[in-house]
Amino acid sequence: MRRSPFVVALPIVLVAALVGCSGGGEATSVASGSAAAEQPISALRPGTDAVDLIGPSTARLERDDVEPLVEPGGAQLPATVTSHDLGGDSEQTVTHTDRVLALDVSGSLAATVVGLGLGDHLVGRDVSSTFSSVRKLPVVTQDGHSINAEAVLSLEPDVVLTDGTIGPTDVVEQLRQSGVTVVYVENEPSPDGAAELARQTAAALGVPAAGASLATELAERIAATGRDVAALADRASSRPLRIAFLYLRGTSGVYYLLGEGTGADALATALGGVDVAAEIGWDGARPMTDEALVAADADVYLVMTGGLESVGGVDGLLEAKPAVGLTPAGEHRRFVDMAGGQILSFGPRTPAVLDALARAVYAP
């Protein structure tokens, strides 16, 4: 599995705390308690072809938390595991797991620790881990996704888990030199990658059996949701939708098109759409160009809620980047937004994320 190039290409803050509709008051919310959300997606029968839908919509999870999905059991420590360091693999021995930090760009690692039933071992969080059970923990990243060594050391962690998507590397080495055990896991940003992330995270925490159980549980839940999403896509759309992901930060003048290896490609496929990034050969996270937007010819744009708000909503984006308006998605104002701490976080909440996105894409 390759490490996501998302942060290598885009070392800026993911504002994940903002949730809601953007600009213009046009958005159709898919919220907990709505008639649509109360129905399973297998029962949805949209009356309008998704190709012809007009206006933005918001994908929301019914629950803003991560649930433990397995019993962790007693930890088998010390645990010696392979750490997939950026400079090459190394052997790391974990002796204690009472105080854990799980840090990555999308919040997937912290969510996985909670899914393993070990959430009470977390003593801090990254900026993307925003679900309710960890929200009050101190944040140890700064300036986007840079690890603050002083903040980490003040929490006296037994082990730091990361996947290389935050850094810098010399800060991680500083932690090791200070006596903190650091384990790099491989994290493929995709629904399929969630199961392997569970296994590696559990192995590092000395609970490999729990990791195997969580991996199986996630694989089954994701597969079941995937079948329902595929069936909804077939019912709701006369052809596969062309889906692209725009990463927006208006305050920083950042307008990126996310490509292969960022997780955006996996989302497009999981939603039954055409992964236009792969089609046009767009790799990693790169500044959008007029040529790329026109070539992608997207029917739907996925965006982070806070990102869309930062550019002034749909109207502000179309004004700042007129080429967006030349695409079918721009002409129809088909932007599907979701909280930044959710939309690209692949882990225990992946089935719920796919469910919410499918509702917003096909049956807003």
Protein backbone atom coordinates (compact mmCIF):
# COMPACT_ATOMS: atom_id res chain seq x y z
CA MET A 1 0.00 0.00 0.00
CA ARG A 2 1.29 3.44 -0.79
CA ARG A 3 1.12 6.36 1.57
CA SER A 4 -1.30 9.07 0.55
CA PRO A 5 0.38 11.94 -1.32
CA PHE A 6 -2.29 14.31 -0.07
CA VAL A 7 -0.23 15.96 2.65
CA VAL A 8 3.04 15.82 0.77
CA ALA A 9 1.43 17.95 -1.91
CA LEU A 10 -0.81 19.96 0.38
CA PRO A 11 0.70 20.77 3.80
CA ILE A 12 -2.07 23.11 4.95
CA VAL A 13 -4.80 23.05 7.56
CA LEU A 14 -7.91 20.94 7.14
CA VAL A 15 -10.59 22.94 8.91
CA ALA A 16 -12.91 20.15 10.01
CA ALA A 17 -15.05 21.74 12.68
CA LEU A 18 -17.44 23.67 10.47
CA VAL A 19 -20.65 21.92 9.49
CA GLY A 20 -23.63 23.23 7.55
CA CYS A 21 -24.86 24.58 4.28
CA SER A 22 -22.92 27.17 2.35
CA GLY A 23 -23.81 30.33 0.56
CA GLY A 24 -27.10 31.29 -1.05
CA GLY A 25 -29.46 29.22 1.08
CA GLU A 26 -29.88 26.70 -1.73
CA ALA A 27 -28.55 23.62 -0.02
CA THR A 28 -30.78 20.68 0.73
CA SER A 29 -29.65 19.16 4.02
CA VAL A 30 -29.60 15.45 4.67
CA ALA A 31 -29.90 15.61 8.44
CA SER A 32 -30.58 13.22 11.25
CA GLY A 33 -34.28 12.86 11.74
CA SER A 34 -35.25 13.84 8.20
CA ALA A 35 -37.61 11.58 6.29
CA ALA A 36 -34.82 10.58 3.92
CA ALA A 37 -32.38 9.77 6.72
CA GLU A 38 -34.95 7.64 8.53
CA GLN A 39 -35.26 5.36 5.50
CA PRO A 40 -32.47 2.92 4.69
CA ILE A 41 -30.85 3.79 1.38
CA SER A 42 -32.04 0.45 0.02
CA ALA A 43 -35.60 1.84 0.29
CA LEU A 44 -34.97 5.21 -1.37
CA ARG A 45 -36.66 5.73 -4.73
CA PRO A 46 -35.59 9.17 -6.03
CA GLY A 47 -38.04 10.76 -8.44
CA THR A 48 -35.45 12.83 -10.32
CA ASP A 49 -32.59 11.51 -12.40
CA ALA A 50 -29.40 12.39 -10.49
CA VAL A 51 -27.93 13.71 -13.75
CA ASP A 52 -30.60 16.42 -13.75
CA LEU A 53 -30.51 17.45 -10.08
CA ILE A 54 -29.91 21.14 -9.45
CA GLY A 55 -28.47 22.82 -6.37
CA PRO A 56 -26.05 21.90 -3.57
CA SER A 57 -26.69 19.44 -0.75
CA THR A 58 -25.03 18.59 2.54
CA ALA A 59 -24.13 15.12 3.78
CA ARG A 60 -24.42 14.69 7.53
CA LEU A 61 -23.86 11.77 9.81
CA GLU A 62 -26.74 10.85 12.08
CA ARG A 63 -24.28 10.51 14.98
CA ASP A 64 -21.27 12.70 15.60
CA ASP A 65 -19.20 10.06 17.33
CA VAL A 66 -17.29 6.84 16.83
CA GLU A 67 -18.53 3.71 18.58
CA PRO A 68 -16.33 0.90 19.93
CA LEU A 69 -17.11 -2.04 17.65
CA VAL A 70 -15.13 -4.79 19.40
CA GLU A 71 -13.85 -5.70 22.85
CA PRO A 72 -10.10 -5.09 22.98
CA GLY A 73 -9.26 -7.71 25.58
CA GLY A 74 -6.01 -7.58 27.52
CA ALA A 75 -2.98 -6.15 25.74
CA GLN A 76 -0.14 -8.54 24.93
CA LEU A 77 2.89 -6.42 25.78
CA PRO A 78 5.62 -5.85 24.95
CA ALA A 79 4.67 -5.90 21.28
CA THR A 80 7.37 -5.66 18.63
CA VAL A 81 6.03 -4.45 15.29
CA THR A 82 7.32 -3.14 11.98
CA SER A 83 7.15 0.64 11.79
CA HIS A 84 6.81 1.83 8.20
CA ASP A 85 8.96 4.93 8.59
CA LEU A 86 9.27 7.35 5.68
CA GLY A 87 12.95 6.53 5.43
CA GLY A 88 12.47 2.76 5.56
CA ASP A 89 11.04 0.12 7.86
CA SER A 90 12.27 -0.24 11.42
CA GLU A 91 11.42 -2.48 14.37
CA GLN A 92 9.72 -0.77 17.30
CA THR A 93 8.80 -2.32 20.63
CA VAL A 94 5.75 -0.99 22.46
CA THR A 95 5.90 -1.66 26.20
CA HIS A 96 2.97 0.40 27.48
CA THR A 97 -0.27 1.66 25.92
CA ASP A 98 -1.91 3.52 28.79
CA ARG A 99 -1.32 6.89 27.09
CA VAL A 100 -1.75 6.91 23.32
CA LEU A 101 -1.60 9.54 20.59
CA ALA A 102 -2.95 8.57 17.15
CA LEU A 103 -2.20 11.31 14.62
CA ASP A 104 -2.89 11.62 10.90
CA VAL A 105 -4.29 14.07 8.38
CA SER A 106 -7.83 12.70 8.29
CA GLY A 107 -8.55 11.53 11.83
CA SER A 108 -8.72 7.89 10.74
CA LEU A 109 -6.20 6.64 13.30
CA ALA A 110 -7.90 8.09 16.37
CA ALA A 111 -11.24 6.77 15.13
CA THR A 112 -9.69 3.32 14.68
CA VAL A 113 -8.34 3.34 18.24
CA VAL A 114 -11.85 4.13 19.48
CA GLY A 115 -13.30 1.42 17.23
CA LEU A 116 -10.95 -1.05 18.94
CA GLY A 117 -12.48 -0.13 22.29
CA LEU A 118 -9.37 1.75 23.43
CA GLY A 119 -10.64 5.32 23.19
CA ASP A 120 -10.03 5.94 26.88
CA HIS A 121 -6.30 5.47 26.23
CA LEU A 122 -6.14 8.55 23.96
CA VAL A 123 -4.61 11.59 25.68
CA GLY A 124 -4.59 14.09 22.80
CA ARG A 125 -5.72 14.50 19.22
CA ASP A 126 -4.93 15.96 15.81
CA VAL A 127 -6.99 18.78 14.34
CA SER A 128 -9.00 16.42 12.12
CA SER A 129 -10.22 14.21 14.97
CA THR A 130 -13.35 16.14 15.83
CA PHE A 131 -15.88 13.48 16.84
CA SER A 132 -17.53 14.09 20.19
CA SER A 133 -15.72 11.59 22.40
CA VAL A 134 -12.30 13.13 21.68
CA ARG A 135 -13.25 16.75 21.11
CA LYS A 136 -12.19 17.88 24.59
CA LEU A 137 -8.73 16.32 24.31
CA PRO A 138 -5.83 18.74 23.76
CA VAL A 139 -4.77 19.30 20.15
CA VAL A 140 -1.10 18.52 19.50
CA THR A 141 -0.85 19.70 15.91
CA GLN A 142 -0.21 23.27 14.81
CA ASP A 143 -0.04 25.29 11.60
CA GLY A 144 -2.24 22.77 9.91
CA HIS A 145 -0.83 19.29 10.41
CA SER A 146 2.57 19.90 11.93
CA ILE A 147 3.21 18.01 15.15
CA ASN A 148 3.98 20.25 18.09
CA ALA A 149 6.74 18.36 19.89
CA GLU A 150 6.34 20.30 23.12
CA ALA A 151 2.60 19.65 23.20
CA VAL A 152 3.17 15.95 22.60
CA LEU A 153 5.88 15.58 25.25
CA SER A 154 3.78 17.45 27.83
CA LEU A 155 1.19 14.66 27.56
CA GLU A 156 3.82 11.98 28.31
CA PRO A 157 2.53 9.45 25.76
CA ASP A 158 3.63 5.83 25.88
CA VAL A 159 3.24 5.49 22.13
CA VAL A 160 2.54 7.74 19.15
CA LEU A 161 0.87 6.19 16.12
CA THR A 162 1.02 8.01 12.80
CA ASP A 163 1.03 7.26 9.08
CA GLY A 164 3.44 9.86 7.72
CA THR A 165 0.75 12.27 6.58
CA ILE A 166 1.77 14.75 9.27
CA GLY A 167 5.19 15.70 10.48
CA PRO A 168 7.77 17.04 9.90
CA THR A 169 9.99 13.96 10.08
CA ASP A 170 12.62 15.65 12.23
CA VAL A 171 9.98 16.37 14.89
CA VAL A 172 9.00 12.71 14.93
CA GLU A 173 12.66 11.77 15.34
CA GLN A 174 12.89 14.32 18.16
CA LEU A 175 10.07 12.47 19.92
CA ARG A 176 11.92 9.19 19.58
CA GLN A 177 15.12 10.73 20.91
CA SER A 178 13.09 11.92 23.90
CA GLY A 179 12.11 8.33 24.65
CA VAL A 180 8.67 8.19 23.04
CA THR A 181 7.88 5.06 21.03
CA VAL A 182 6.66 6.08 17.57
CA VAL A 183 5.07 3.57 15.20
CA TYR A 184 4.28 4.40 11.59
CA VAL A 185 1.40 2.41 10.10
CA GLU A 186 0.55 2.14 6.43
CA ASN A 187 -2.78 3.80 5.75
CA GLU A 188 -4.36 3.41 2.33
CA PRO A 189 -7.00 6.20 2.09
CA SER A 190 -9.91 4.10 0.87
CA PRO A 191 -12.82 2.07 2.23
CA ASP A 192 -10.83 -1.12 1.63
CA GLY A 193 -7.88 0.32 3.52
CA ALA A 194 -9.89 0.68 6.75
CA ALA A 195 -9.60 -3.02 7.58
CA GLU A 196 -5.81 -3.16 7.20
CA LEU A 197 -5.50 0.03 9.26
CA ALA A 198 -7.45 -1.72 12.03
CA ARG A 199 -5.03 -4.67 11.95
CA GLN A 200 -1.87 -2.55 12.05
CA THR A 201 -3.18 -0.19 14.73
CA ALA A 202 -4.24 -3.10 16.91
CA ALA A 203 -0.90 -4.88 16.48
CA ALA A 204 0.94 -1.75 17.65
CA LEU A 205 -1.30 -1.57 20.73
CA GLY A 206 -0.83 -5.23 21.60
CA VAL A 207 -4.36 -6.35 20.75
CA PRO A 208 -3.98 -8.16 17.40
CA ALA A 209 -7.06 -10.34 17.93
CA ALA A 210 -9.22 -7.25 18.36
CA GLY A 211 -7.71 -5.85 15.18
CA ALA A 212 -8.65 -8.97 13.24
CA SER A 213 -12.19 -8.78 14.61
CA LEU A 214 -12.53 -5.09 13.79
CA ALA A 215 -11.13 -5.65 10.30
CA THR A 216 -13.72 -8.35 9.64
CA GLU A 217 -16.54 -6.25 11.05
CA LEU A 218 -15.57 -3.22 9.00
CA ALA A 219 -15.12 -5.21 5.80
CA GLU A 220 -18.60 -6.70 6.19
CA ARG A 221 -20.27 -3.39 7.00
CA ILE A 222 -18.51 -1.54 4.21
CA ALA A 223 -19.36 -4.26 1.69
CA ALA A 224 -23.04 -4.21 2.72
CA THR A 225 -23.21 -0.42 2.46
CA GLY A 226 -21.40 -0.58 -0.87
CA ARG A 227 -24.03 -2.92 -2.28
CA ASP A 228 -26.82 -0.60 -1.14
CA VAL A 229 -25.05 2.45 -2.58
CA ALA A 230 -24.50 0.69 -5.90
CA ALA A 231 -28.16 -0.27 -6.09
CA LEU A 232 -29.22 3.30 -5.27
CA ALA A 233 -26.89 4.67 -7.95
CA ASP A 234 -28.42 2.32 -10.52
CA ARG A 235 -31.96 3.37 -9.56
CA ALA A 236 -31.27 7.08 -9.24
CA SER A 237 -29.08 7.85 -12.24
CA SER A 238 -29.45 7.09 -15.93
CA ARG A 239 -25.66 6.83 -16.17
CA PRO A 240 -22.70 6.79 -13.77
CA LEU A 241 -22.09 10.27 -12.40
CA ARG A 242 -18.73 11.89 -13.01
CA ILE A 243 -17.44 12.83 -9.55
CA ALA A 244 -14.54 15.12 -8.64
CA PHE A 245 -13.28 16.43 -5.29
CA LEU A 246 -12.33 20.09 -4.86
CA TYR A 247 -10.19 21.10 -1.88
CA LEU A 248 -10.87 24.76 -1.10
CA ARG A 249 -9.34 27.25 1.32
CA GLY A 250 -10.37 30.73 0.30
CA THR A 251 -8.51 32.46 3.13
CA SER A 252 -5.26 30.99 1.77
CA GLY A 253 -6.13 31.25 -1.92
CA VAL A 254 -6.00 27.46 -2.22
CA TYR A 255 -8.06 25.77 -4.95
CA TYR A 256 -7.02 22.15 -5.47
CA LEU A 257 -8.37 19.24 -7.44
CA LEU A 258 -7.76 16.00 -5.56
CA GLY A 259 -6.57 13.09 -7.63
CA GLU A 260 -5.47 9.49 -7.32
CA GLY A 261 -4.17 8.36 -3.95
CA THR A 262 -5.84 11.08 -1.91
CA GLY A 263 -8.97 9.14 -0.96
CA ALA A 264 -11.08 11.29 -3.25
CA ASP A 265 -10.68 8.73 -6.03
CA ALA A 266 -11.80 5.93 -3.72
CA LEU A 267 -14.88 7.93 -2.69
CA ALA A 268 -15.94 8.49 -6.30
CA THR A 269 -15.71 4.77 -7.00
CA ALA A 270 -17.44 3.78 -3.76
CA LEU A 271 -20.33 6.08 -4.63
CA GLY A 272 -20.85 4.29 -7.94
CA GLY A 273 -19.46 7.17 -9.94
CA VAL A 274 -16.75 7.69 -12.50
CA ASP A 275 -13.39 8.56 -10.93
CA VAL A 276 -12.54 11.43 -13.25
CA ALA A 277 -9.17 11.96 -11.56
CA ALA A 278 -8.01 8.56 -12.81
CA GLU A 279 -9.54 9.23 -16.20
CA ILE A 280 -7.55 12.42 -16.74
CA GLY A 281 -4.41 11.09 -15.04
CA TRP A 282 -4.57 13.52 -12.11
CA ASP A 283 -2.32 12.22 -9.32
CA GLY A 284 -2.24 13.53 -5.77
CA ALA A 285 -3.44 16.96 -4.67
CA ARG A 286 -2.59 19.70 -7.17
CA PRO A 287 -3.80 23.21 -7.89
CA MET A 288 -6.82 23.05 -10.17
CA THR A 289 -6.42 24.36 -13.70
CA ASP A 290 -9.07 25.41 -16.18
CA GLU A 291 -7.92 22.66 -18.51
CA ALA A 292 -8.22 19.97 -15.82
CA LEU A 293 -11.67 21.13 -14.77
CA VAL A 294 -12.96 21.09 -18.33
CA ALA A 295 -11.37 17.69 -19.00
CA ALA A 296 -12.87 16.24 -15.81
CA ASP A 297 -16.33 17.37 -16.96
CA ALA A 298 -17.76 16.58 -13.52
CA ASP A 299 -21.45 16.09 -12.80
CA VAL A 300 -20.91 16.45 -9.05
CA TYR A 301 -18.23 18.12 -6.95
CA LEU A 302 -17.47 16.80 -3.47
CA VAL A 303 -16.15 19.46 -1.09
CA MET A 304 -15.49 19.97 2.60
CA THR A 305 -18.13 22.10 4.28
CA GLY A 306 -15.64 24.51 5.82
CA GLY A 307 -13.78 24.80 2.52
CA LEU A 308 -16.89 25.77 0.59
CA GLU A 309 -17.79 28.31 3.24
CA SER A 310 -14.27 29.77 3.11
CA VAL A 311 -14.67 30.71 -0.56
CA GLY A 312 -18.06 32.35 -0.04
CA GLY A 313 -20.19 29.33 -0.91
CA VAL A 314 -21.13 28.28 -4.41
CA ASP A 315 -21.52 31.86 -5.62
CA GLY A 316 -18.09 32.84 -4.33
CA LEU A 317 -16.43 29.82 -5.91
CA LEU A 318 -18.03 30.40 -9.30
CA GLU A 319 -16.93 34.01 -9.18
CA ALA A 320 -13.36 33.17 -8.17
CA LYS A 321 -13.00 30.25 -10.57
CA PRO A 322 -15.23 30.81 -13.63
CA ALA A 323 -14.03 27.57 -15.23
CA VAL A 324 -15.90 25.64 -12.53
CA GLY A 325 -19.10 27.09 -13.95
CA LEU A 326 -18.33 25.72 -17.39
CA THR A 327 -18.73 22.14 -16.18
CA PRO A 328 -22.06 20.32 -15.75
CA ALA A 329 -21.57 20.35 -11.96
CA GLY A 330 -20.95 24.09 -12.00
CA GLU A 331 -23.87 24.82 -14.29
CA HIS A 332 -26.21 22.78 -12.07
CA ARG A 333 -24.56 24.01 -8.85
CA ARG A 334 -24.15 20.38 -7.82
CA PHE A 335 -21.83 20.61 -4.85
CA VAL A 336 -22.08 17.98 -2.11
CA ASP A 337 -20.37 19.12 1.07
CA MET A 338 -19.50 17.25 4.24
CA ALA A 339 -17.48 18.07 7.36
CA GLY A 340 -13.74 17.90 6.80
CA GLY A 341 -13.20 15.55 9.73
CA GLN A 342 -15.56 13.03 8.16
CA ILE A 343 -15.50 13.01 4.38
CA LEU A 344 -11.97 11.63 3.90
CA SER A 345 -11.72 9.71 7.17
CA PHE A 346 -11.62 6.00 6.38
CA GLY A 347 -12.18 3.86 9.45
CA PRO A 348 -15.05 2.78 11.71
CA ARG A 349 -17.34 5.49 10.32
CA THR A 350 -16.77 4.63 6.66
CA PRO A 351 -20.16 2.89 6.21
CA ALA A 352 -21.98 5.88 7.71
CA VAL A 353 -19.97 8.34 5.59
CA LEU A 354 -20.78 6.45 2.37
CA ASP A 355 -24.44 6.26 3.38
CA ALA A 356 -24.68 10.00 4.05
CA LEU A 357 -22.82 10.94 0.87
CA ALA A 358 -24.98 8.63 -1.25
CA ARG A 359 -28.12 10.30 0.10
CA ALA A 360 -26.77 13.76 -0.66
CA VAL A 361 -25.58 12.78 -4.14
CA TYR A 362 -28.59 10.77 -5.30
CA ALA A 363 -31.57 11.65 -3.08
CA PRO A 364 -31.14 15.10 -1.49
